[in-house]
Amino acid sequence: MQYKAPTQPRRMTYGQPGQAHQEQMARNELFAGAEPVTQNGQQSIDSMNTQQLMQHAVDNHKETTATAERALRIVEQTKEVQSSTAQALVDQRQQMYRIEDDMQKIGEDLTYSERILRFMRLCCCIGFFCSCCTEPGRRDQDKQWRG
C-alpha cells in the first residue's frame, strides 16, 4: 500500500465562471512587474497621465452621480408607496370602526326584536291579540295546516 499525500481542498469560487482565472492572471502580471490592467482593459491609475486621470475622474463622477440619482428616485418611489400604504391603513381602520358600530347596532336591534317576540309570545299564551285564541275554529285549522 502506497502513502498518498493529502491534497489541498479545492477553493470555492463565487461569481462568473472565468472570473477566478482573470484574477489569477492579474496577480501574475502584478508580481511579474508588468503594468496591471483593469477589467475593462484600461490602464491602472498609477500609470495614467493628467488628461487620462481627469477623464477617469469625470467618468467616475458621472457614474456616481447617476447611481445617486437612481437611489433618490427609488427613495421617492418608496415614499409614495409609504404614503399610499399609510392612507390605505387609515381607510381600513375607519372601515373597521364603521363595521364595529354596525355590528353593535345589529346586536341592539336583535335584542329589541327578541324582547318584542317575547312580549308577543306572552300575549299569545294569555289570549290577547292572537287569532288562534280569539277566533273560533282557528286552532283546529292551524293544526290541520301544520299536519
Protein backbone atom coordinates (compact mmCIF):
# COMPACT_ATOMS: atom_id res chain seq x y z
CA MET A 1 0.00 0.00 0.00
CA GLN A 2 1.40 3.35 -1.00
CA TYR A 3 1.07 6.51 1.04
CA LYS A 4 -0.71 9.37 -0.72
CA ALA A 5 -0.10 12.88 0.46
CA PRO A 6 -3.31 14.70 1.24
CA THR A 7 -4.37 17.09 -1.47
CA GLN A 8 -5.37 20.63 -0.68
CA PRO A 9 -9.10 21.20 -0.67
CA ARG A 10 -10.43 22.99 -3.71
CA ARG A 11 -11.17 26.61 -3.12
CA MET A 12 -14.80 27.54 -3.70
CA THR A 13 -15.21 30.38 -6.13
CA TYR A 14 -18.19 32.63 -6.38
CA GLY A 15 -19.03 34.87 -9.27
CA GLN A 16 -18.79 34.48 -13.02
CA PRO A 17 -17.24 31.30 -14.46
CA GLY A 18 -13.97 32.83 -15.83
CA GLN A 19 -13.51 35.37 -13.08
CA ALA A 20 -11.09 33.33 -10.97
CA HIS A 21 -8.80 32.83 -13.99
CA GLN A 22 -8.86 36.57 -14.75
CA GLU A 23 -7.97 37.38 -11.17
CA GLN A 24 -5.06 34.93 -11.26
CA MET A 25 -3.77 36.46 -14.49
CA ALA A 26 -3.93 39.94 -12.96
CA ARG A 27 -1.99 38.71 -9.92
CA ASN A 28 0.66 37.12 -12.12
CA GLU A 29 1.10 40.33 -14.11
CA LEU A 30 1.37 42.35 -10.91
CA PHE A 31 4.03 40.14 -9.40
CA ALA A 32 5.94 39.85 -12.69
CA GLY A 33 6.46 43.61 -12.75
CA ALA A 34 4.13 44.29 -15.67
CA GLU A 35 1.63 47.12 -15.59
CA PRO A 36 -1.62 45.73 -14.20
CA VAL A 37 -4.66 46.14 -16.38
CA THR A 38 -8.16 46.76 -15.09
CA GLN A 39 -11.06 44.53 -16.15
CA ASN A 40 -12.23 46.98 -18.81
CA GLY A 41 -8.82 46.97 -20.49
CA GLN A 42 -7.91 50.43 -19.12
CA GLN A 43 -4.60 51.29 -17.52
CA SER A 44 -4.22 51.43 -13.77
CA ILE A 45 -4.47 54.83 -12.09
CA ASP A 46 -0.74 54.86 -11.30
CA SER A 47 0.25 54.79 -14.97
CA MET A 48 -2.24 57.42 -16.24
CA ASN A 49 -1.24 60.92 -17.30
CA THR A 50 -3.09 64.04 -16.15
CA GLN A 51 -5.58 64.08 -19.04
CA GLN A 52 -6.43 60.42 -18.50
CA LEU A 53 -6.79 60.95 -14.76
CA MET A 54 -9.15 63.87 -15.36
CA GLN A 55 -11.22 61.80 -17.79
CA HIS A 56 -11.27 58.90 -15.33
CA ALA A 57 -12.38 61.25 -12.54
CA VAL A 58 -15.14 62.74 -14.76
CA ASP A 59 -16.36 59.28 -15.77
CA ASN A 60 -16.28 58.13 -12.16
CA HIS A 61 -18.18 61.28 -11.09
CA LYS A 62 -20.85 60.76 -13.79
CA GLU A 63 -21.27 57.14 -12.78
CA THR A 64 -21.54 58.05 -9.09
CA THR A 65 -23.99 60.87 -9.83
CA ALA A 66 -26.16 58.56 -11.93
CA THR A 67 -26.16 55.99 -9.13
CA ALA A 68 -27.12 58.66 -6.58
CA GLU A 69 -29.94 59.90 -8.83
CA ARG A 70 -31.26 56.35 -9.20
CA ALA A 71 -31.12 55.96 -5.43
CA LEU A 72 -33.03 59.24 -4.96
CA ARG A 73 -35.71 58.11 -7.45
CA ILE A 74 -36.06 54.86 -5.55
CA VAL A 75 -36.36 56.80 -2.29
CA GLU A 76 -39.10 58.99 -3.79
CA GLN A 77 -40.96 55.94 -5.09
CA THR A 78 -40.64 54.35 -1.66
CA LYS A 79 -42.06 57.49 -0.04
CA GLU A 80 -45.02 57.42 -2.44
CA VAL A 81 -45.69 53.76 -1.66
CA GLN A 82 -45.36 54.51 2.06
CA SER A 83 -47.85 57.37 1.92
CA SER A 84 -50.37 55.39 -0.13
CA THR A 85 -50.00 52.43 2.24
CA ALA A 86 -50.48 54.70 5.26
CA GLN A 87 -53.62 56.19 3.70
CA ALA A 88 -54.95 52.71 2.91
CA LEU A 89 -54.38 51.69 6.54
CA VAL A 90 -56.21 54.79 7.79
CA ASP A 91 -59.13 53.99 5.46
CA GLN A 92 -59.19 50.37 6.62
CA ARG A 93 -59.14 51.44 10.27
CA GLN A 94 -62.12 53.73 9.67
CA GLN A 95 -63.91 50.94 7.85
CA MET A 96 -63.27 48.59 10.81
CA TYR A 97 -64.75 51.19 13.19
CA ARG A 98 -67.82 51.52 10.96
CA ILE A 99 -68.19 47.73 10.85
CA GLU A 100 -67.90 47.58 14.64
CA ASP A 101 -70.56 50.27 15.01
CA ASP A 102 -72.83 48.45 12.54
CA MET A 103 -72.36 45.17 14.42
CA GLN A 104 -73.23 46.87 17.70
CA LYS A 105 -76.36 48.36 16.09
CA ILE A 106 -77.33 44.92 14.74
CA GLY A 107 -76.84 43.43 18.22
CA GLU A 108 -79.05 46.12 19.74
CA ASP A 109 -81.72 45.52 17.06
CA LEU A 110 -81.63 41.78 17.76
CA THR A 111 -82.06 42.38 21.49
CA TYR A 112 -85.01 44.68 20.81
CA SER A 113 -86.56 42.14 18.40
CA GLU A 114 -86.16 39.36 20.96
CA ARG A 115 -87.98 41.47 23.55
CA ILE A 116 -90.82 42.14 21.11
CA LEU A 117 -91.09 38.43 20.26
CA ARG A 118 -91.10 37.51 23.97
CA PHE A 119 -93.89 40.00 24.54
CA MET A 120 -95.83 38.66 21.56
CA ARG A 121 -95.41 35.09 22.81
CA LEU A 122 -96.54 36.10 26.28
CA CYS A 123 -99.62 37.84 24.85
CA CYS A 124 -100.45 34.84 22.66
CA CYS A 125 -100.34 32.47 25.60
CA ILE A 126 -102.60 34.73 27.62
CA GLY A 127 -105.02 35.03 24.74
CA PHE A 128 -104.73 38.67 23.79
CA PHE A 129 -104.05 39.80 20.22
CA CYS A 130 -103.83 36.25 18.89
CA SER A 131 -106.19 34.97 16.23
CA CYS A 132 -105.60 31.37 17.32
CA CYS A 133 -107.07 32.21 20.73
CA THR A 134 -109.79 34.73 19.75
CA GLU A 135 -111.28 33.20 16.55
CA PRO A 136 -113.37 30.07 16.99
CA GLY A 137 -112.07 27.11 14.99
CA ARG A 138 -108.79 28.78 14.16
CA ARG A 139 -106.79 26.45 16.35
CA ASP A 140 -108.18 23.38 14.53
CA GLN A 141 -107.38 24.93 11.13
CA ASP A 142 -103.80 25.60 12.20
CA LYS A 143 -103.36 22.02 13.38
CA GLN A 144 -104.68 20.67 10.04
CA TRP A 145 -102.46 23.01 8.04
CA ARG A 146 -99.33 22.10 10.04
CA GLY A 147 -100.04 18.44 9.54
